[in-house]
Each structure stands twice: as C-alpha cells, then as structure tokens.
Amino acid sequence: MTTLQEQARALGDPTRHEIFRHVADATESLDVAELTDRIGVHHNAVRQHLTKLVEAELVVQDTLPSRGRGRPRLCYSLHPSAASRWGVTGPYERLSLLLSEVIRTGDSPVEVGRRAARRHRLGTAAAPHPVDAFVAQMAREGFEPTVDVRGDTVEVVLGCCPFATTALADPDTVCGLHLGMAYGAAEQSGGLVVDELLPEDPRHAGCRLRCHLVEESVA
C-alpha cells in the first residue's frame, strides 16, 4: 500500500499537483487530451505525470473505446484512497451533502442517490461493456466492487461501505442512497438494470446488488 509520504512526493511537482487537482475536481473521468488542453504542456509530459499519480494511488486509470481508429483511450479519475486527503472531499463530507439534499428537496434517499451517481460519470464515452462501466463507477464511489456475470445475470458484491458508521444508525436512509447510486450508475451504463440490493452488516460490508443485462447487451 502506498504511504502518505509517497503520495506527498508524487504531489511535490507543481505540474503533477495541478493535474491531480483537475482530476479530483472533475465530475467525470478525463483523458490525456482533455488534461493536455487544461494544463498546457505536451501530452507526453502529461502521460508521465499521470503514471506517477497512478503509482502513488492518487488517480485510477481506466480504458475507454477510441473515438475512431487506433488504440482504446485511457481516462483518469480520483483513486478512492485519496478521499479526505490532499484537499479532496471525503465520504462523510459527501454524505452530509446528500443528507442535506434529502432534507432540502424532500426527495427520497433513493432519488437523491440516483442524482448523485448521474453527476459523477465515467468519462465522456461509454466503457466497452455495461458491466465494466457500472463497476468502474461504483468503484469511483468507494464501494470496492467485485462482479460475477453468468449469462444475463450479474451480481456485484460491494467490498466496502463508504458510510458504514451512519449505516449502522440509519440503514434505511444510507441503503436507500446506495441503491439510488446503483440505479444511477446502471442507467448510465447503457445496458444494465439493478433489481435489488441485499444489505449486510456495514461493518463487514459484502452487500450484494442483483442485476441483469438487457437483451441487446447480452453477449
């Protein structure tokens, strides 16, 4: 596991720190071209800085389809372990904003969670497969998902509860937010439907999302 000292060294370069801030503040994953336009340095330098940020577990690298001929594009989003560090909003800060939205709007936790997922998209293009897109977004939200696909049936096990302490006190609200996030992520995946959330003790995680692929997405 990367240490705080290693992350601090990675962020010691001003350009690398600027790239990190752009990724951390974005509402969707960014590719090298987008970061090059924002930073104003050569794309090869941006790639080198991103490699250091990935090695330091500050950003996550994902693969998206190319926009034409050529290799698949690489995109970058915030690593879940960077939450609450280096000026990045942590899970309980996000939870406070979500709960405030529930109170302010009067909407259900499920609907508020759905909107939250819609605001945090995985890049500017769909991932190669709906399950990949869904798992990538749930990982970005800090759930540490693992997936089992059998035909058109998909089960996703959530290896971490980002709001575990609050979930113990108010499971209906927190599980509703989580289910809404799953709904929103699935809707953006372009071919996956979430059927139900089977909750477990949040201290040990392991909640399961039962899903299915729509007909046109089944291989």
C-alpha atoms as a PDB file:
ATOM      1  CA  MET A   1       0.000   0.000   0.000  1.00  0.00           C
ATOM      2  CA  THR A   2       1.231   3.457  -0.889  1.00  0.00           C
ATOM      3  CA  THR A   3       2.252   5.622   2.078  1.00  0.00           C
ATOM      4  CA  LEU A   4       1.316   9.240   2.670  1.00  0.00           C
ATOM      5  CA  GLN A   5       4.964  10.154   2.213  1.00  0.00           C
ATOM      6  CA  GLU A   6       4.971   8.572  -1.260  1.00  0.00           C
ATOM      7  CA  GLN A   7       1.811  10.439  -2.180  1.00  0.00           C
ATOM      8  CA  ALA A   8       3.279  13.679  -0.863  1.00  0.00           C
ATOM      9  CA  ARG A   9       6.387  13.173  -3.009  1.00  0.00           C
ATOM     10  CA  ALA A  10       4.217  12.499  -6.055  1.00  0.00           C
ATOM     11  CA  LEU A  11       2.344  15.753  -5.466  1.00  0.00           C
ATOM     12  CA  GLY A  12       5.527  17.725  -4.851  1.00  0.00           C
ATOM     13  CA  ASP A  13       5.867  18.574  -8.535  1.00  0.00           C
ATOM     14  CA  PRO A  14       3.696  21.665  -9.273  1.00  0.00           C
ATOM     15  CA  THR A  15       2.516  20.439 -12.683  1.00  0.00           C
ATOM     16  CA  ARG A  16       1.689  16.983 -11.320  1.00  0.00           C
ATOM     17  CA  HIS A  17      -0.234  18.572  -8.454  1.00  0.00           C
ATOM     18  CA  GLU A  18      -2.184  20.683 -10.946  1.00  0.00           C
ATOM     19  CA  ILE A  19      -3.081  17.576 -12.971  1.00  0.00           C
ATOM     20  CA  PHE A  20      -4.205  15.847  -9.767  1.00  0.00           C
ATOM     21  CA  ARG A  21      -6.446  18.794  -8.853  1.00  0.00           C
ATOM     22  CA  HIS A  22      -8.093  18.752 -12.291  1.00  0.00           C
ATOM     23  CA  VAL A  23      -8.827  15.032 -11.942  1.00  0.00           C
ATOM     24  CA  ALA A  24     -10.021  15.390  -8.338  1.00  0.00           C
ATOM     25  CA  ASP A  25     -12.351  18.302  -9.132  1.00  0.00           C
ATOM     26  CA  ALA A  26     -13.845  16.797 -12.308  1.00  0.00           C
ATOM     27  CA  THR A  27     -17.342  15.296 -12.306  1.00  0.00           C
ATOM     28  CA  GLU A  28     -16.260  12.733 -14.895  1.00  0.00           C
ATOM     29  CA  SER A  29     -13.092  10.924 -15.854  1.00  0.00           C
ATOM     30  CA  LEU A  30     -10.621  12.870 -18.002  1.00  0.00           C
ATOM     31  CA  ASP A  31      -8.432  11.584 -20.800  1.00  0.00           C
ATOM     32  CA  VAL A  32      -4.932  12.723 -21.725  1.00  0.00           C
ATOM     33  CA  ALA A  33      -6.137  15.084 -24.455  1.00  0.00           C
ATOM     34  CA  GLU A  34      -8.516  16.875 -22.085  1.00  0.00           C
ATOM     35  CA  LEU A  35      -5.820  17.232 -19.433  1.00  0.00           C
ATOM     36  CA  THR A  36      -3.294  18.427 -22.008  1.00  0.00           C
ATOM     37  CA  ASP A  37      -5.697  21.193 -23.069  1.00  0.00           C
ATOM     38  CA  ARG A  38      -6.244  22.245 -19.458  1.00  0.00           C
ATOM     39  CA  ILE A  39      -2.615  22.127 -18.321  1.00  0.00           C
ATOM     40  CA  GLY A  40      -0.957  23.463 -21.460  1.00  0.00           C
ATOM     41  CA  VAL A  41       2.048  21.129 -21.519  1.00  0.00           C
ATOM     42  CA  HIS A  42       2.993  18.411 -24.024  1.00  0.00           C
ATOM     43  CA  HIS A  43       0.846  15.297 -23.890  1.00  0.00           C
ATOM     44  CA  ASN A  44       3.881  13.086 -23.300  1.00  0.00           C
ATOM     45  CA  ALA A  45       4.664  15.057 -20.145  1.00  0.00           C
ATOM     46  CA  VAL A  46       1.037  14.698 -19.027  1.00  0.00           C
ATOM     47  CA  ARG A  47       1.265  10.923 -19.534  1.00  0.00           C
ATOM     48  CA  GLN A  48       4.441  10.745 -17.438  1.00  0.00           C
ATOM     49  CA  HIS A  49       2.862  12.716 -14.619  1.00  0.00           C
ATOM     50  CA  LEU A  50      -0.250  10.536 -14.725  1.00  0.00           C
ATOM     51  CA  THR A  51       1.893   7.410 -14.460  1.00  0.00           C
ATOM     52  CA  LYS A  52       3.397   8.786 -11.238  1.00  0.00           C
ATOM     53  CA  LEU A  53      -0.053   9.635  -9.879  1.00  0.00           C
ATOM     54  CA  VAL A  54      -1.330   6.135 -10.677  1.00  0.00           C
ATOM     55  CA  GLU A  55       1.701   4.544  -8.983  1.00  0.00           C
ATOM     56  CA  ALA A  56       1.033   6.693  -5.891  1.00  0.00           C
ATOM     57  CA  GLU A  57      -2.628   5.553  -5.825  1.00  0.00           C
ATOM     58  CA  LEU A  58      -3.851   9.103  -6.257  1.00  0.00           C
ATOM     59  CA  VAL A  59      -5.681   8.519  -9.546  1.00  0.00           C
ATOM     60  CA  VAL A  60      -7.120   5.451 -11.269  1.00  0.00           C
ATOM     61  CA  GLN A  61      -6.558   4.593 -14.922  1.00  0.00           C
ATOM     62  CA  ASP A  62      -9.428   3.115 -16.950  1.00  0.00           C
ATOM     63  CA  THR A  63      -9.793   2.208 -20.626  1.00  0.00           C
ATOM     64  CA  LEU A  64     -12.438   3.646 -22.924  1.00  0.00           C
ATOM     65  CA  PRO A  65     -13.098   2.903 -26.603  1.00  0.00           C
ATOM     66  CA  SER A  66     -11.240   5.062 -29.091  1.00  0.00           C
ATOM     67  CA  ARG A  67     -13.236   7.725 -30.932  1.00  0.00           C
ATOM     68  CA  GLY A  68     -12.091   6.292 -34.255  1.00  0.00           C
ATOM     69  CA  ARG A  69      -9.279   4.093 -35.422  1.00  0.00           C
ATOM     70  CA  GLY A  70      -6.474   3.358 -33.040  1.00  0.00           C
ATOM     71  CA  ARG A  71      -5.970   2.046 -29.567  1.00  0.00           C
ATOM     72  CA  PRO A  72      -8.552   2.408 -26.791  1.00  0.00           C
ATOM     73  CA  ARG A  73      -8.314   5.675 -24.886  1.00  0.00           C
ATOM     74  CA  LEU A  74      -7.099   5.901 -21.303  1.00  0.00           C
ATOM     75  CA  CYS A  75      -9.044   8.008 -18.837  1.00  0.00           C
ATOM     76  CA  TYR A  76      -8.301   9.000 -15.271  1.00  0.00           C
ATOM     77  CA  SER A  77     -10.387   9.518 -12.144  1.00  0.00           C
ATOM     78  CA  LEU A  78      -9.695  10.031  -8.457  1.00  0.00           C
ATOM     79  CA  HIS A  79      -8.463   6.985  -6.530  1.00  0.00           C
ATOM     80  CA  PRO A  80     -10.875   6.190  -3.644  1.00  0.00           C
ATOM     81  CA  SER A  81      -7.940   6.097  -1.206  1.00  0.00           C
ATOM     82  CA  ALA A  82      -7.298   9.799  -1.871  1.00  0.00           C
ATOM     83  CA  ALA A  83     -10.651  10.760  -0.307  1.00  0.00           C
ATOM     84  CA  SER A  84     -10.297  13.092   2.698  1.00  0.00           C
ATOM     85  CA  ARG A  85      -6.659  13.729   1.752  1.00  0.00           C
ATOM     86  CA  TRP A  86      -4.860  16.448  -0.173  1.00  0.00           C
ATOM     87  CA  GLY A  87      -7.898  18.733  -0.148  1.00  0.00           C
ATOM     88  CA  VAL A  88     -10.245  16.091  -1.581  1.00  0.00           C
ATOM     89  CA  THR A  89     -13.784  15.737  -0.225  1.00  0.00           C
ATOM     90  CA  GLY A  90     -14.134  12.631   1.941  1.00  0.00           C
ATOM     91  CA  PRO A  91     -17.024  10.148   2.159  1.00  0.00           C
ATOM     92  CA  TYR A  92     -18.689  11.726   5.182  1.00  0.00           C
ATOM     93  CA  GLU A  93     -18.475  15.175   3.659  1.00  0.00           C
ATOM     94  CA  ARG A  94     -20.247  13.719   0.613  1.00  0.00           C
ATOM     95  CA  LEU A  95     -22.783  12.040   2.892  1.00  0.00           C
ATOM     96  CA  SER A  96     -23.555  15.319   4.647  1.00  0.00           C
ATOM     97  CA  LEU A  97     -24.254  16.938   1.280  1.00  0.00           C
ATOM     98  CA  LEU A  98     -26.515  14.052   0.245  1.00  0.00           C
ATOM     99  CA  LEU A  99     -28.461  14.154   3.521  1.00  0.00           C
ATOM    100  CA  SER A 100     -28.797  17.919   3.178  1.00  0.00           C
ATOM    101  CA  GLU A 101     -30.236  17.364  -0.300  1.00  0.00           C
ATOM    102  CA  VAL A 102     -32.748  14.863   1.102  1.00  0.00           C
ATOM    103  CA  ILE A 103     -33.901  17.433   3.668  1.00  0.00           C
ATOM    104  CA  ARG A 104     -33.863  20.398   1.290  1.00  0.00           C
ATOM    105  CA  THR A 105     -35.733  18.760  -1.571  1.00  0.00           C
ATOM    106  CA  GLY A 106     -37.941  16.296   0.295  1.00  0.00           C
ATOM    107  CA  ASP A 107     -36.939  13.624  -2.219  1.00  0.00           C
ATOM    108  CA  SER A 108     -36.299  10.043  -1.145  1.00  0.00           C
ATOM    109  CA  PRO A 109     -32.739   8.856  -0.416  1.00  0.00           C
ATOM    110  CA  VAL A 110     -33.034   6.583  -3.464  1.00  0.00           C
ATOM    111  CA  GLU A 111     -33.740   9.514  -5.783  1.00  0.00           C
ATOM    112  CA  VAL A 112     -31.004  11.658  -4.241  1.00  0.00           C
ATOM    113  CA  GLY A 113     -28.518   8.798  -4.617  1.00  0.00           C
ATOM    114  CA  ARG A 114     -29.582   8.341  -8.237  1.00  0.00           C
ATOM    115  CA  ARG A 115     -28.899  12.006  -8.968  1.00  0.00           C
ATOM    116  CA  ALA A 116     -25.515  11.813  -7.227  1.00  0.00           C
ATOM    117  CA  ALA A 117     -24.453   8.959  -9.495  1.00  0.00           C
ATOM    118  CA  ARG A 118     -25.592  10.867 -12.563  1.00  0.00           C
ATOM    119  CA  ARG A 119     -23.365  13.766 -11.538  1.00  0.00           C
ATOM    120  CA  HIS A 120     -20.279  11.531 -11.400  1.00  0.00           C
ATOM    121  CA  ARG A 121     -19.958   9.945 -14.793  1.00  0.00           C
ATOM    122  CA  LEU A 122     -17.243   7.610 -16.033  1.00  0.00           C
ATOM    123  CA  GLY A 123     -15.686   9.663 -18.787  1.00  0.00           C
ATOM    124  CA  THR A 124     -17.054  11.167 -21.949  1.00  0.00           C
ATOM    125  CA  ALA A 125     -17.805   7.857 -23.661  1.00  0.00           C
ATOM    126  CA  ALA A 126     -19.245   4.576 -22.590  1.00  0.00           C
ATOM    127  CA  ALA A 127     -16.980   1.798 -21.331  1.00  0.00           C
ATOM    128  CA  PRO A 128     -16.618  -1.250 -23.611  1.00  0.00           C
ATOM    129  CA  HIS A 129     -19.335  -3.182 -21.764  1.00  0.00           C
ATOM    130  CA  PRO A 130     -22.207  -2.080 -19.469  1.00  0.00           C
ATOM    131  CA  VAL A 131     -20.877  -4.175 -16.577  1.00  0.00           C
ATOM    132  CA  ASP A 132     -17.435  -2.563 -16.913  1.00  0.00           C
ATOM    133  CA  ALA A 133     -18.988   0.904 -16.875  1.00  0.00           C
ATOM    134  CA  PHE A 134     -21.133   0.075 -13.851  1.00  0.00           C
ATOM    135  CA  VAL A 135     -18.315  -1.479 -11.828  1.00  0.00           C
ATOM    136  CA  ALA A 136     -15.968   1.402 -12.644  1.00  0.00           C
ATOM    137  CA  GLN A 137     -18.450   3.984 -11.388  1.00  0.00           C
ATOM    138  CA  MET A 138     -19.255   2.034  -8.208  1.00  0.00           C
ATOM    139  CA  ALA A 139     -15.504   1.774  -7.586  1.00  0.00           C
ATOM    140  CA  ARG A 140     -15.206   5.515  -8.037  1.00  0.00           C
ATOM    141  CA  GLU A 141     -17.876   5.967  -5.347  1.00  0.00           C
ATOM    142  CA  GLY A 142     -15.720   3.929  -2.954  1.00  0.00           C
ATOM    143  CA  PHE A 143     -17.642   0.618  -2.853  1.00  0.00           C
ATOM    144  CA  GLU A 144     -14.724  -1.634  -3.921  1.00  0.00           C
ATOM    145  CA  PRO A 145     -16.995  -3.843  -6.084  1.00  0.00           C
ATOM    146  CA  THR A 146     -16.352  -7.329  -7.396  1.00  0.00           C
ATOM    147  CA  VAL A 147     -18.562  -8.855 -10.047  1.00  0.00           C
ATOM    148  CA  ASP A 148     -19.877 -12.264 -11.078  1.00  0.00           C
ATOM    149  CA  VAL A 149     -21.517 -12.500 -14.519  1.00  0.00           C
ATOM    150  CA  ARG A 150     -23.473 -15.599 -15.511  1.00  0.00           C
ATOM    151  CA  GLY A 151     -25.285 -15.143 -18.797  1.00  0.00           C
ATOM    152  CA  ASP A 152     -27.523 -12.124 -18.398  1.00  0.00           C
ATOM    153  CA  THR A 153     -27.439 -12.320 -14.573  1.00  0.00           C
ATOM    154  CA  VAL A 154     -24.978 -10.061 -12.787  1.00  0.00           C
ATOM    155  CA  GLU A 155     -24.187  -9.972  -9.073  1.00  0.00           C
ATOM    156  CA  VAL A 156     -21.983  -7.229  -7.691  1.00  0.00           C
ATOM    157  CA  VAL A 157     -20.561  -7.568  -4.189  1.00  0.00           C
ATOM    158  CA  LEU A 158     -19.709  -4.268  -2.505  1.00  0.00           C
ATOM    159  CA  GLY A 159     -16.489  -4.795  -0.595  1.00  0.00           C
ATOM    160  CA  CYS A 160     -16.679  -1.512   1.308  1.00  0.00           C
ATOM    161  CA  CYS A 161     -19.455   0.634   2.778  1.00  0.00           C
ATOM    162  CA  PRO A 162     -18.315   4.266   2.439  1.00  0.00           C
ATOM    163  CA  PHE A 163     -20.822   5.364   5.104  1.00  0.00           C
ATOM    164  CA  ALA A 164     -20.542   2.375   7.458  1.00  0.00           C
ATOM    165  CA  THR A 165     -20.896   4.241  10.766  1.00  0.00           C
ATOM    166  CA  THR A 166     -24.023   6.097   9.671  1.00  0.00           C
ATOM    167  CA  ALA A 167     -25.434   2.957   8.058  1.00  0.00           C
ATOM    168  CA  LEU A 168     -25.427   1.272  11.476  1.00  0.00           C
ATOM    169  CA  ALA A 169     -27.523   4.099  12.923  1.00  0.00           C
ATOM    170  CA  ASP A 170     -29.882   4.623   9.967  1.00  0.00           C
ATOM    171  CA  PRO A 171     -29.671   1.732   7.492  1.00  0.00           C
ATOM    172  CA  ASP A 172     -32.862   2.672   5.644  1.00  0.00           C
ATOM    173  CA  THR A 173     -31.515   6.082   4.644  1.00  0.00           C
ATOM    174  CA  VAL A 174     -27.973   5.003   3.822  1.00  0.00           C
ATOM    175  CA  CYS A 175     -29.016   1.835   1.990  1.00  0.00           C
ATOM    176  CA  GLY A 176     -31.519   3.940   0.056  1.00  0.00           C
ATOM    177  CA  LEU A 177     -28.730   6.289  -1.002  1.00  0.00           C
ATOM    178  CA  HIS A 178     -26.576   3.333  -2.030  1.00  0.00           C
ATOM    179  CA  LEU A 179     -29.397   1.766  -4.023  1.00  0.00           C
ATOM    180  CA  GLY A 180     -30.039   5.076  -5.751  1.00  0.00           C
ATOM    181  CA  MET A 181     -26.353   5.383  -6.635  1.00  0.00           C
ATOM    182  CA  ALA A 182     -26.507   1.901  -8.128  1.00  0.00           C
ATOM    183  CA  TYR A 183     -29.620   2.807 -10.132  1.00  0.00           C
ATOM    184  CA  GLY A 184     -27.936   5.934 -11.478  1.00  0.00           C
ATOM    185  CA  ALA A 185     -24.718   4.119 -12.383  1.00  0.00           C
ATOM    186  CA  ALA A 186     -26.664   1.341 -14.113  1.00  0.00           C
ATOM    187  CA  GLU A 187     -28.729   3.820 -16.117  1.00  0.00           C
ATOM    188  CA  GLN A 188     -25.543   5.387 -17.458  1.00  0.00           C
ATOM    189  CA  SER A 189     -24.006   2.009 -18.269  1.00  0.00           C
ATOM    190  CA  GLY A 190     -26.238   1.608 -21.311  1.00  0.00           C
ATOM    191  CA  GLY A 191     -27.479  -1.916 -20.730  1.00  0.00           C
ATOM    192  CA  LEU A 192     -27.627  -2.961 -17.072  1.00  0.00           C
ATOM    193  CA  VAL A 193     -30.633  -2.972 -14.726  1.00  0.00           C
ATOM    194  CA  VAL A 194     -30.355  -3.166 -10.932  1.00  0.00           C
ATOM    195  CA  ASP A 195     -33.035  -5.441  -9.498  1.00  0.00           C
ATOM    196  CA  GLU A 196     -32.356  -5.304  -5.763  1.00  0.00           C
ATOM    197  CA  LEU A 197     -29.870  -4.533  -3.019  1.00  0.00           C
ATOM    198  CA  LEU A 198     -29.287  -7.237  -0.416  1.00  0.00           C
ATOM    199  CA  PRO A 199     -27.739  -5.435   2.582  1.00  0.00           C
ATOM    200  CA  GLU A 200     -25.303  -6.919   5.074  1.00  0.00           C
ATOM    201  CA  ASP A 201     -23.696  -5.638   8.273  1.00  0.00           C
ATOM    202  CA  PRO A 202     -21.956  -2.439   7.095  1.00  0.00           C
ATOM    203  CA  ARG A 203     -19.019  -3.060   9.435  1.00  0.00           C
ATOM    204  CA  HIS A 204     -18.118  -6.110   7.374  1.00  0.00           C
ATOM    205  CA  ALA A 205     -19.518  -4.919   4.003  1.00  0.00           C
ATOM    206  CA  GLY A 206     -20.453  -7.577   1.459  1.00  0.00           C
ATOM    207  CA  CYS A 207     -23.783  -6.065   0.410  1.00  0.00           C
ATOM    208  CA  ARG A 208     -24.913  -7.538  -2.908  1.00  0.00           C
ATOM    209  CA  LEU A 209     -26.512  -5.923  -5.918  1.00  0.00           C
ATOM    210  CA  ARG A 210     -28.503  -8.303  -8.080  1.00  0.00           C
ATOM    211  CA  CYS A 211     -28.701  -7.039 -11.643  1.00  0.00           C
ATOM    212  CA  HIS A 212     -29.397  -8.210 -15.152  1.00  0.00           C
ATOM    213  CA  LEU A 213     -28.279  -7.231 -18.628  1.00  0.00           C
ATOM    214  CA  VAL A 214     -30.900  -6.068 -21.058  1.00  0.00           C
ATOM    215  CA  GLU A 215     -31.280  -8.245 -24.138  1.00  0.00           C
ATOM    216  CA  GLU A 216     -29.232  -6.182 -26.557  1.00  0.00           C
ATOM    217  CA  SER A 217     -26.241  -6.184 -24.160  1.00  0.00           C
ATOM    218  CA  VAL A 218     -26.024  -9.933 -23.654  1.00  0.00           C
ATOM    219  CA  ALA A 219     -23.012 -11.362 -25.494  1.00  0.00           C
END
